[in-house]
N, C-alpha and C. Protein backbone atom coordinates (compact mmCIF):
# COMPACT_ATOMS: atom_id res chain seq x y z
N LEU A 1 156.66 86.88 126.39
CA LEU A 1 156.67 88.33 126.54
C LEU A 1 157.92 88.91 125.89
N ARG A 2 157.76 89.91 125.12
CA ARG A 2 158.91 90.60 124.51
C ARG A 2 158.89 92.04 125.01
N THR A 3 159.25 92.20 126.25
CA THR A 3 159.24 93.51 126.87
C THR A 3 160.64 93.83 127.36
N ASP A 4 161.07 95.05 127.13
CA ASP A 4 162.34 95.53 127.66
C ASP A 4 162.05 96.37 128.90
N TYR A 5 162.81 96.13 129.95
CA TYR A 5 162.76 96.96 131.15
C TYR A 5 164.11 97.64 131.23
N GLU A 6 164.10 98.97 131.25
CA GLU A 6 165.35 99.73 131.22
C GLU A 6 165.46 100.59 132.46
N ALA A 7 166.65 100.64 133.02
CA ALA A 7 166.96 101.56 134.13
C ALA A 7 168.46 101.83 134.09
N ALA A 8 168.83 103.08 134.28
CA ALA A 8 170.23 103.50 134.32
C ALA A 8 170.99 103.03 133.08
N GLY A 9 170.31 103.00 131.93
CA GLY A 9 170.96 102.62 130.69
C GLY A 9 171.13 101.13 130.48
N VAL A 10 170.63 100.31 131.39
CA VAL A 10 170.75 98.86 131.29
C VAL A 10 169.39 98.28 130.93
N VAL A 11 169.34 97.41 129.92
CA VAL A 11 168.09 96.78 129.48
C VAL A 11 168.01 95.37 130.06
N VAL A 12 166.84 95.05 130.61
CA VAL A 12 166.58 93.75 131.21
C VAL A 12 165.41 93.12 130.47
N ARG A 13 165.52 91.81 130.20
CA ARG A 13 164.42 91.04 129.61
C ARG A 13 164.14 89.84 130.50
N VAL A 14 162.87 89.52 130.65
CA VAL A 14 162.48 88.35 131.45
C VAL A 14 163.12 87.11 130.84
N GLY A 15 163.70 86.29 131.70
CA GLY A 15 164.34 85.05 131.26
C GLY A 15 165.80 85.21 130.87
N ALA A 16 166.30 86.43 130.87
CA ALA A 16 167.68 86.68 130.44
C ALA A 16 168.50 87.29 131.57
N ARG A 17 169.79 87.18 131.43
CA ARG A 17 170.71 87.85 132.35
C ARG A 17 171.81 88.49 131.53
N THR A 18 172.37 89.57 132.07
CA THR A 18 173.46 90.25 131.37
C THR A 18 174.49 90.72 132.38
N ALA A 19 175.71 90.84 131.92
CA ALA A 19 176.78 91.33 132.79
C ALA A 19 176.52 92.78 133.20
N ALA A 20 175.97 93.58 132.28
CA ALA A 20 175.68 94.99 132.61
C ALA A 20 174.67 95.09 133.74
N ARG A 21 173.65 94.25 133.69
CA ARG A 21 172.65 94.26 134.77
C ARG A 21 173.28 93.84 136.09
N ASP A 22 174.09 92.79 136.06
CA ASP A 22 174.74 92.33 137.28
C ASP A 22 175.65 93.40 137.87
N GLU A 23 176.32 94.14 136.99
CA GLU A 23 177.18 95.23 137.46
C GLU A 23 176.35 96.34 138.12
N LEU A 24 175.21 96.65 137.52
CA LEU A 24 174.32 97.66 138.09
C LEU A 24 173.81 97.23 139.47
N LEU A 25 173.48 95.96 139.63
CA LEU A 25 172.92 95.46 140.89
C LEU A 25 173.97 95.35 142.00
N ARG A 26 175.23 95.16 141.63
CA ARG A 26 176.32 95.03 142.61
C ARG A 26 176.00 93.98 143.68
N GLY A 27 175.48 92.85 143.24
CA GLY A 27 175.20 91.75 144.16
C GLY A 27 173.87 91.83 144.88
N ARG A 28 173.13 92.88 144.67
CA ARG A 28 171.84 93.05 145.35
C ARG A 28 170.71 92.44 144.54
N ALA A 29 169.63 92.19 145.25
CA ALA A 29 168.38 91.84 144.57
C ALA A 29 167.63 93.14 144.31
N ALA A 30 166.75 93.12 143.34
CA ALA A 30 165.98 94.32 143.00
C ALA A 30 164.71 93.91 142.27
N GLY A 31 163.86 94.89 142.05
CA GLY A 31 162.65 94.63 141.30
C GLY A 31 162.18 95.87 140.56
N PHE A 32 161.68 95.66 139.34
CA PHE A 32 161.03 96.72 138.59
C PHE A 32 159.57 96.78 139.01
N VAL A 33 159.10 97.97 139.33
CA VAL A 33 157.70 98.15 139.72
C VAL A 33 157.23 99.50 139.18
N THR A 34 155.94 99.59 138.91
CA THR A 34 155.35 100.83 138.44
C THR A 34 154.12 101.15 139.26
N ALA A 35 153.64 102.35 139.11
CA ALA A 35 152.35 102.73 139.69
C ALA A 35 151.37 103.10 138.57
N TRP A 36 151.83 103.05 137.34
CA TRP A 36 150.99 103.40 136.19
C TRP A 36 149.94 102.33 135.94
N ASN A 37 148.80 102.75 135.43
CA ASN A 37 147.76 101.85 134.92
C ASN A 37 147.44 100.69 135.87
N PRO A 38 146.94 100.99 137.07
CA PRO A 38 146.68 99.95 138.06
C PRO A 38 145.73 98.88 137.52
N LEU A 39 146.05 97.63 137.86
CA LEU A 39 145.28 96.47 137.42
C LEU A 39 145.03 96.49 135.91
N SER A 40 146.01 96.99 135.19
CA SER A 40 146.00 97.03 133.71
C SER A 40 144.91 97.92 133.13
N ARG A 41 144.41 98.84 133.92
CA ARG A 41 143.42 99.80 133.42
C ARG A 41 144.16 101.07 132.99
N ARG A 42 144.06 101.39 131.72
CA ARG A 42 144.75 102.56 131.19
C ARG A 42 144.21 103.83 131.86
N MET A 43 145.13 104.62 132.39
CA MET A 43 144.78 105.87 133.07
C MET A 43 145.43 107.04 132.33
N PRO A 44 144.91 108.25 132.51
CA PRO A 44 145.51 109.42 131.87
C PRO A 44 146.94 109.65 132.37
N ARG A 45 147.75 110.26 131.51
CA ARG A 45 149.17 110.47 131.84
C ARG A 45 149.35 111.24 133.16
N GLY A 46 148.55 112.28 133.38
CA GLY A 46 148.67 113.05 134.63
C GLY A 46 148.39 112.19 135.85
N TRP A 47 147.38 111.35 135.77
CA TRP A 47 147.05 110.44 136.88
C TRP A 47 148.22 109.50 137.12
N ASN A 48 148.75 108.91 136.04
CA ASN A 48 149.88 107.98 136.17
C ASN A 48 151.10 108.67 136.78
N ASP A 49 151.39 109.88 136.35
CA ASP A 49 152.55 110.60 136.88
C ASP A 49 152.40 110.87 138.38
N ARG A 50 151.19 111.24 138.80
CA ARG A 50 150.96 111.47 140.24
C ARG A 50 151.10 110.17 141.03
N ALA A 51 150.60 109.06 140.49
CA ALA A 51 150.74 107.77 141.16
C ALA A 51 152.21 107.38 141.27
N LEU A 52 152.98 107.61 140.22
CA LEU A 52 154.41 107.30 140.26
C LEU A 52 155.12 108.17 141.29
N GLU A 53 154.71 109.41 141.42
CA GLU A 53 155.30 110.28 142.45
C GLU A 53 155.02 109.73 143.85
N ARG A 54 153.83 109.20 144.05
CA ARG A 54 153.51 108.56 145.34
C ARG A 54 154.36 107.31 145.57
N LEU A 55 154.61 106.54 144.51
CA LEU A 55 155.49 105.37 144.62
C LEU A 55 156.91 105.81 144.96
N ARG A 56 157.38 106.87 144.34
CA ARG A 56 158.72 107.39 144.69
C ARG A 56 158.79 107.75 146.18
N ALA A 57 157.75 108.42 146.68
CA ALA A 57 157.72 108.80 148.10
C ALA A 57 157.69 107.55 148.99
N ALA A 58 156.91 106.55 148.61
CA ALA A 58 156.78 105.34 149.41
C ALA A 58 158.08 104.52 149.42
N SER A 59 158.91 104.70 148.40
CA SER A 59 160.15 103.93 148.30
C SER A 59 161.39 104.79 148.52
N ARG A 60 161.21 105.95 149.14
CA ARG A 60 162.30 106.93 149.23
C ARG A 60 163.53 106.42 149.98
N ARG A 61 163.39 105.43 150.84
CA ARG A 61 164.54 104.92 151.60
C ARG A 61 165.29 103.81 150.87
N LEU A 62 164.79 103.41 149.71
CA LEU A 62 165.42 102.32 148.96
C LEU A 62 166.29 102.88 147.84
N PRO A 63 167.40 102.21 147.54
CA PRO A 63 168.16 102.60 146.35
C PRO A 63 167.28 102.40 145.13
N ARG A 64 167.34 103.33 144.17
CA ARG A 64 166.47 103.18 143.01
C ARG A 64 167.06 103.86 141.79
N ALA A 65 166.56 103.40 140.65
CA ALA A 65 166.88 104.01 139.36
C ALA A 65 165.57 104.16 138.62
N GLU A 66 165.41 105.29 137.96
CA GLU A 66 164.22 105.53 137.13
C GLU A 66 164.36 104.72 135.85
N GLY A 67 163.25 104.26 135.32
CA GLY A 67 163.32 103.48 134.09
C GLY A 67 161.98 103.37 133.40
N TRP A 68 161.94 102.50 132.38
CA TRP A 68 160.75 102.29 131.57
C TRP A 68 160.59 100.81 131.27
N GLY A 69 159.35 100.38 131.16
CA GLY A 69 159.00 99.09 130.59
C GLY A 69 158.42 99.38 129.22
N ILE A 70 158.94 98.72 128.19
CA ILE A 70 158.51 99.02 126.82
C ILE A 70 158.18 97.71 126.11
N GLY A 71 156.91 97.57 125.74
CA GLY A 71 156.44 96.41 125.00
C GLY A 71 156.12 96.79 123.57
N ARG A 72 155.49 95.87 122.85
CA ARG A 72 155.15 96.14 121.45
C ARG A 72 154.18 97.30 121.30
N SER A 73 153.20 97.37 122.19
CA SER A 73 152.17 98.40 122.02
C SER A 73 151.96 99.24 123.27
N TRP A 74 152.91 99.23 124.18
CA TRP A 74 152.74 100.00 125.40
C TRP A 74 154.10 100.38 125.98
N SER A 75 154.07 101.35 126.87
CA SER A 75 155.25 101.68 127.68
C SER A 75 154.75 102.30 128.98
N GLU A 76 155.51 102.07 130.04
CA GLU A 76 155.17 102.61 131.36
C GLU A 76 156.46 103.00 132.07
N ALA A 77 156.39 104.08 132.82
CA ALA A 77 157.52 104.45 133.67
C ALA A 77 157.60 103.45 134.83
N HIS A 78 158.79 103.03 135.14
CA HIS A 78 159.04 102.09 136.23
C HIS A 78 160.14 102.62 137.13
N LEU A 79 160.22 102.04 138.31
CA LEU A 79 161.36 102.23 139.19
C LEU A 79 162.04 100.88 139.36
N LEU A 80 163.34 100.85 139.32
CA LEU A 80 164.11 99.68 139.71
C LEU A 80 164.52 99.92 141.15
N LEU A 81 163.95 99.15 142.06
CA LEU A 81 164.20 99.34 143.49
C LEU A 81 165.16 98.28 144.00
N GLY A 82 166.23 98.73 144.64
CA GLY A 82 167.22 97.81 145.21
C GLY A 82 166.72 97.27 146.54
N ALA A 83 166.00 96.17 146.48
CA ALA A 83 165.42 95.56 147.68
C ALA A 83 165.04 94.12 147.36
N ASP A 84 164.86 93.34 148.40
CA ASP A 84 164.34 91.99 148.24
C ASP A 84 163.02 92.06 147.47
N PRO A 85 162.81 91.19 146.49
CA PRO A 85 161.57 91.24 145.72
C PRO A 85 160.30 91.17 146.57
N ARG A 86 160.36 90.53 147.73
CA ARG A 86 159.18 90.50 148.61
C ARG A 86 158.80 91.90 149.07
N ARG A 87 159.79 92.72 149.32
CA ARG A 87 159.51 94.11 149.71
C ARG A 87 158.94 94.91 148.54
N VAL A 88 159.45 94.65 147.34
CA VAL A 88 158.95 95.33 146.15
C VAL A 88 157.50 94.88 145.88
N LEU A 89 157.20 93.61 146.15
CA LEU A 89 155.83 93.11 145.97
C LEU A 89 154.84 93.81 146.89
N VAL A 90 155.26 94.16 148.09
CA VAL A 90 154.38 94.91 148.99
C VAL A 90 153.97 96.23 148.34
N LEU A 91 154.94 96.91 147.74
CA LEU A 91 154.63 98.16 147.04
C LEU A 91 153.76 97.91 145.81
N ALA A 92 154.03 96.84 145.09
CA ALA A 92 153.22 96.53 143.91
C ALA A 92 151.75 96.34 144.31
N ARG A 93 151.52 95.61 145.38
CA ARG A 93 150.14 95.41 145.84
C ARG A 93 149.51 96.74 146.27
N ARG A 94 150.28 97.54 146.97
CA ARG A 94 149.77 98.84 147.43
C ARG A 94 149.35 99.72 146.26
N PHE A 95 150.08 99.63 145.15
CA PHE A 95 149.79 100.45 143.98
C PHE A 95 149.00 99.67 142.92
N ARG A 96 148.38 98.57 143.34
CA ARG A 96 147.45 97.77 142.53
C ARG A 96 148.06 97.30 141.22
N GLN A 97 149.24 96.71 141.32
CA GLN A 97 149.91 96.16 140.16
C GLN A 97 149.79 94.64 140.17
N HIS A 98 149.74 94.04 138.98
CA HIS A 98 149.63 92.59 138.87
C HIS A 98 150.93 91.88 139.22
N ALA A 99 152.07 92.50 138.90
CA ALA A 99 153.34 91.78 139.03
C ALA A 99 154.50 92.75 139.06
N ILE A 100 155.66 92.21 139.41
CA ILE A 100 156.93 92.93 139.30
C ILE A 100 157.87 92.07 138.44
N VAL A 101 158.97 92.66 138.01
CA VAL A 101 160.05 91.90 137.40
C VAL A 101 161.18 91.87 138.42
N ALA A 102 161.44 90.69 138.95
CA ALA A 102 162.48 90.52 139.97
C ALA A 102 163.80 90.20 139.29
N VAL A 103 164.86 90.84 139.78
CA VAL A 103 166.20 90.60 139.24
C VAL A 103 167.16 90.36 140.40
N ARG A 104 168.08 89.46 140.15
CA ARG A 104 169.11 89.11 141.14
C ARG A 104 170.39 88.84 140.36
N ALA A 105 171.49 89.34 140.83
CA ALA A 105 172.77 89.15 140.13
C ALA A 105 173.00 87.67 139.85
N GLY A 106 173.36 87.36 138.60
CA GLY A 106 173.68 86.00 138.22
C GLY A 106 172.49 85.13 137.85
N ALA A 107 171.27 85.64 138.02
CA ALA A 107 170.07 84.85 137.74
C ALA A 107 169.23 85.54 136.66
N PRO A 108 168.46 84.78 135.92
CA PRO A 108 167.59 85.41 134.92
C PRO A 108 166.52 86.27 135.58
N ALA A 109 166.12 87.34 134.94
CA ALA A 109 165.01 88.16 135.42
C ALA A 109 163.74 87.34 135.33
N ARG A 110 162.81 87.54 136.28
CA ARG A 110 161.58 86.76 136.27
C ARG A 110 160.39 87.60 136.71
N VAL A 111 159.23 87.25 136.21
CA VAL A 111 157.99 87.89 136.61
C VAL A 111 157.54 87.23 137.91
N VAL A 112 157.19 88.06 138.89
CA VAL A 112 156.65 87.56 140.16
C VAL A 112 155.28 88.20 140.32
N HIS A 113 154.27 87.37 140.45
CA HIS A 113 152.89 87.84 140.52
C HIS A 113 152.56 88.36 141.90
N ALA A 114 151.94 89.49 141.96
CA ALA A 114 151.66 90.15 143.23
C ALA A 114 150.48 89.54 143.97
N HIS A 115 149.59 88.89 143.26
CA HIS A 115 148.36 88.40 143.89
C HIS A 115 148.21 86.89 143.81
N GLY A 116 149.29 86.18 143.55
CA GLY A 116 149.26 84.74 143.56
C GLY A 116 148.87 84.08 142.25
N ALA A 117 147.93 84.64 141.50
CA ALA A 117 147.50 84.02 140.25
C ALA A 117 148.37 84.53 139.10
N PRO A 118 148.97 83.62 138.34
CA PRO A 118 149.81 84.07 137.22
C PRO A 118 148.99 84.73 136.13
N LEU A 119 149.61 85.68 135.47
CA LEU A 119 148.99 86.32 134.31
C LEU A 119 149.06 85.36 133.14
N ALA A 120 148.03 85.33 132.33
CA ALA A 120 148.01 84.45 131.17
C ALA A 120 149.20 84.71 130.25
N LEU A 121 149.58 85.98 130.06
CA LEU A 121 150.68 86.30 129.16
C LEU A 121 152.04 85.93 129.74
N ALA A 122 152.14 85.86 131.07
CA ALA A 122 153.43 85.61 131.69
C ALA A 122 153.80 84.14 131.69
N THR A 123 152.83 83.25 131.55
CA THR A 123 153.10 81.83 131.59
C THR A 123 152.53 81.17 130.34
N PRO A 124 153.33 81.08 129.27
CA PRO A 124 152.81 80.46 128.05
C PRO A 124 152.45 79.00 128.30
N ARG A 125 151.37 78.58 127.73
CA ARG A 125 150.93 77.19 127.86
C ARG A 125 151.07 76.50 126.52
N PRO A 126 151.38 75.19 126.55
CA PRO A 126 151.42 74.47 125.26
C PRO A 126 150.01 74.42 124.66
N ARG A 127 149.95 74.43 123.36
CA ARG A 127 148.64 74.39 122.68
C ARG A 127 148.01 73.02 122.85
N ASP A 128 146.70 73.02 123.03
CA ASP A 128 145.97 71.74 123.08
C ASP A 128 145.95 71.13 121.68
N ARG A 129 146.07 69.83 121.64
CA ARG A 129 146.05 69.14 120.33
C ARG A 129 144.80 68.36 120.15
């Protein structure tokens, strides 16, 4: 996956860690989550914005930063929520998302699947010979 997750001016990539991200987290665990395009079904921008507003309301007691996930052919608004990834996964399931990007100071960012089954794109497999 070559996707950038950005929040508060800090860019995060799965499998990588940066000092800027660790400084932003201040020792906390966090997770990137969205409410856009549930179960990877493209929805109209207005629908996505309303869903994200509901996610903001549902996470109002958590520290958060607004951000974006940006891939080669897509982008989605995300929230970086300062909470244990298990708590962020509860919200991901509620908003019908496949996964979150979990981050913890000092550790590489990782994809955590919300429904137990890994996404084909998130876990590259060696080619059959």
